[in-house]
């Protein structure tokens, strides 16, 4: 991530500090996190940072899904971790964003 990436250490920790605030049993979208740090168009950057978050500490990255509630394709344990916290999934396999999206207000 350090070589040629658009994310510097401050930005990485800014993203991770938002993720750290997502309460148990709630989810946020990549775009929601991007918006909270003032980078509305950088949802993909948030995803990239979260894919490498284990290098920076222990963060509840499993609580971040895409805008439609889809879990990360290469994160097999994500659904199980969310279900253990009481997150509700719809029949199509996506998180029920109406019931479970984090309202940070």
Protein backbone atom coordinates (compact mmCIF):
# COMPACT_ATOMS: atom_id res chain seq x y z
CA UNK A 1 0.00 0.00 0.00
CA UNK A 2 2.85 2.39 0.76
CA UNK A 3 4.37 2.42 -2.73
CA UNK A 4 2.39 4.46 -5.21
CA UNK A 5 -0.81 4.34 -3.19
CA UNK A 6 -2.96 7.41 -2.71
CA UNK A 7 -3.46 6.66 0.96
CA UNK A 8 -0.99 8.01 3.46
CA UNK A 9 -0.76 6.88 7.06
CA UNK A 10 -2.99 9.71 8.33
CA UNK A 11 -5.73 8.83 5.85
CA UNK A 12 -5.48 5.15 6.71
CA UNK A 13 -5.90 5.83 10.41
CA UNK A 14 -8.72 8.30 9.70
CA UNK A 15 -10.62 5.54 7.89
CA UNK A 16 -9.85 2.97 10.58
CA UNK A 17 -10.92 5.34 13.38
CA UNK A 18 -14.37 5.62 11.75
CA UNK A 19 -14.58 1.83 11.36
CA UNK A 20 -13.69 1.49 15.04
CA UNK A 21 -16.80 3.52 15.96
CA UNK A 22 -19.30 1.25 14.17
CA UNK A 23 -21.27 -0.38 16.98
CA UNK A 24 -21.75 -4.10 17.32
CA UNK A 25 -24.81 -5.27 15.40
CA UNK A 26 -24.57 -2.42 12.87
CA UNK A 27 -22.90 -2.02 9.48
CA UNK A 28 -21.65 0.89 7.41
CA UNK A 29 -21.03 1.08 3.68
CA UNK A 30 -17.70 1.92 2.08
CA UNK A 31 -19.29 5.08 0.65
CA UNK A 32 -20.68 6.07 4.03
CA UNK A 33 -17.20 5.90 5.55
CA UNK A 34 -15.73 7.85 2.62
CA UNK A 35 -18.35 10.55 3.16
CA UNK A 36 -17.65 10.70 6.91
CA UNK A 37 -13.98 11.47 6.26
CA UNK A 38 -14.83 14.11 3.65
CA UNK A 39 -13.92 12.01 0.60
CA UNK A 40 -17.33 11.28 -0.90
CA UNK A 41 -15.96 9.71 -4.11
CA UNK A 42 -13.42 7.40 -2.47
CA UNK A 43 -15.43 4.32 -1.50
CA UNK A 44 -12.97 2.09 -3.38
CA UNK A 45 -10.06 3.61 -1.47
CA UNK A 46 -11.86 2.76 1.78
CA UNK A 47 -12.22 -0.83 0.57
CA UNK A 48 -8.53 -1.00 -0.34
CA UNK A 49 -7.50 0.28 3.10
CA UNK A 50 -9.81 -2.16 4.86
CA UNK A 51 -8.47 -5.07 2.83
CA UNK A 52 -5.09 -4.40 4.45
CA UNK A 53 -6.27 -3.24 7.86
CA UNK A 54 -4.73 -6.19 9.70
CA UNK A 55 -1.33 -4.50 9.20
CA UNK A 56 -2.49 -1.57 11.34
CA UNK A 57 -4.20 -3.29 14.24
CA UNK A 58 -7.45 -5.00 15.16
CA UNK A 59 -10.46 -3.21 13.68
CA UNK A 60 -14.05 -4.41 13.15
CA UNK A 61 -13.77 -4.33 9.35
CA UNK A 62 -16.37 -7.07 9.12
CA UNK A 63 -18.94 -4.33 9.86
CA UNK A 64 -18.35 -2.68 6.47
CA UNK A 65 -20.33 -3.83 3.42
CA UNK A 66 -21.14 -2.30 0.04
CA UNK A 67 -24.09 0.08 -0.42
CA UNK A 68 -26.44 -2.80 -1.26
CA UNK A 69 -25.40 -4.78 1.81
CA UNK A 70 -23.18 -7.29 0.01
CA UNK A 71 -20.31 -8.71 2.00
CA UNK A 72 -16.73 -8.76 0.71
CA UNK A 73 -16.21 -11.63 -1.75
CA UNK A 74 -12.91 -12.85 -0.29
CA UNK A 75 -13.90 -12.49 3.38
CA UNK A 76 -15.70 -15.77 4.03
CA UNK A 77 -16.08 -15.27 7.78
CA UNK A 78 -17.72 -11.85 7.41
CA UNK A 79 -21.32 -13.07 7.28
CA UNK A 80 -20.82 -15.37 10.26
CA UNK A 81 -19.23 -12.58 12.33
CA UNK A 82 -22.10 -10.23 11.50
CA UNK A 83 -24.76 -12.84 12.29
CA UNK A 84 -23.11 -13.46 15.67
CA UNK A 85 -23.63 -9.75 16.38
CA UNK A 86 -27.30 -9.91 15.40
CA UNK A 87 -27.06 -8.34 11.94
CA UNK A 88 -30.07 -9.33 9.82
CA UNK A 89 -29.62 -10.70 6.29
CA UNK A 90 -32.23 -10.68 3.54
CA UNK A 91 -33.12 -13.72 1.44
CA UNK A 92 -30.74 -12.57 -1.31
CA UNK A 93 -27.80 -12.90 1.10
CA UNK A 94 -27.27 -9.16 1.61
CA UNK A 95 -27.39 -7.32 4.91
CA UNK A 96 -30.76 -5.66 5.53
CA UNK A 97 -29.43 -2.10 5.35
CA UNK A 98 -32.78 -0.60 6.44
CA UNK A 99 -32.58 -2.50 9.72
CA UNK A 100 -28.85 -2.62 10.33
CA UNK A 101 -27.14 0.40 8.81
CA UNK A 102 -25.26 2.50 11.34
CA UNK A 103 -26.80 5.90 11.91
CA UNK A 104 -23.80 7.87 13.12
CA UNK A 105 -25.86 10.97 13.96
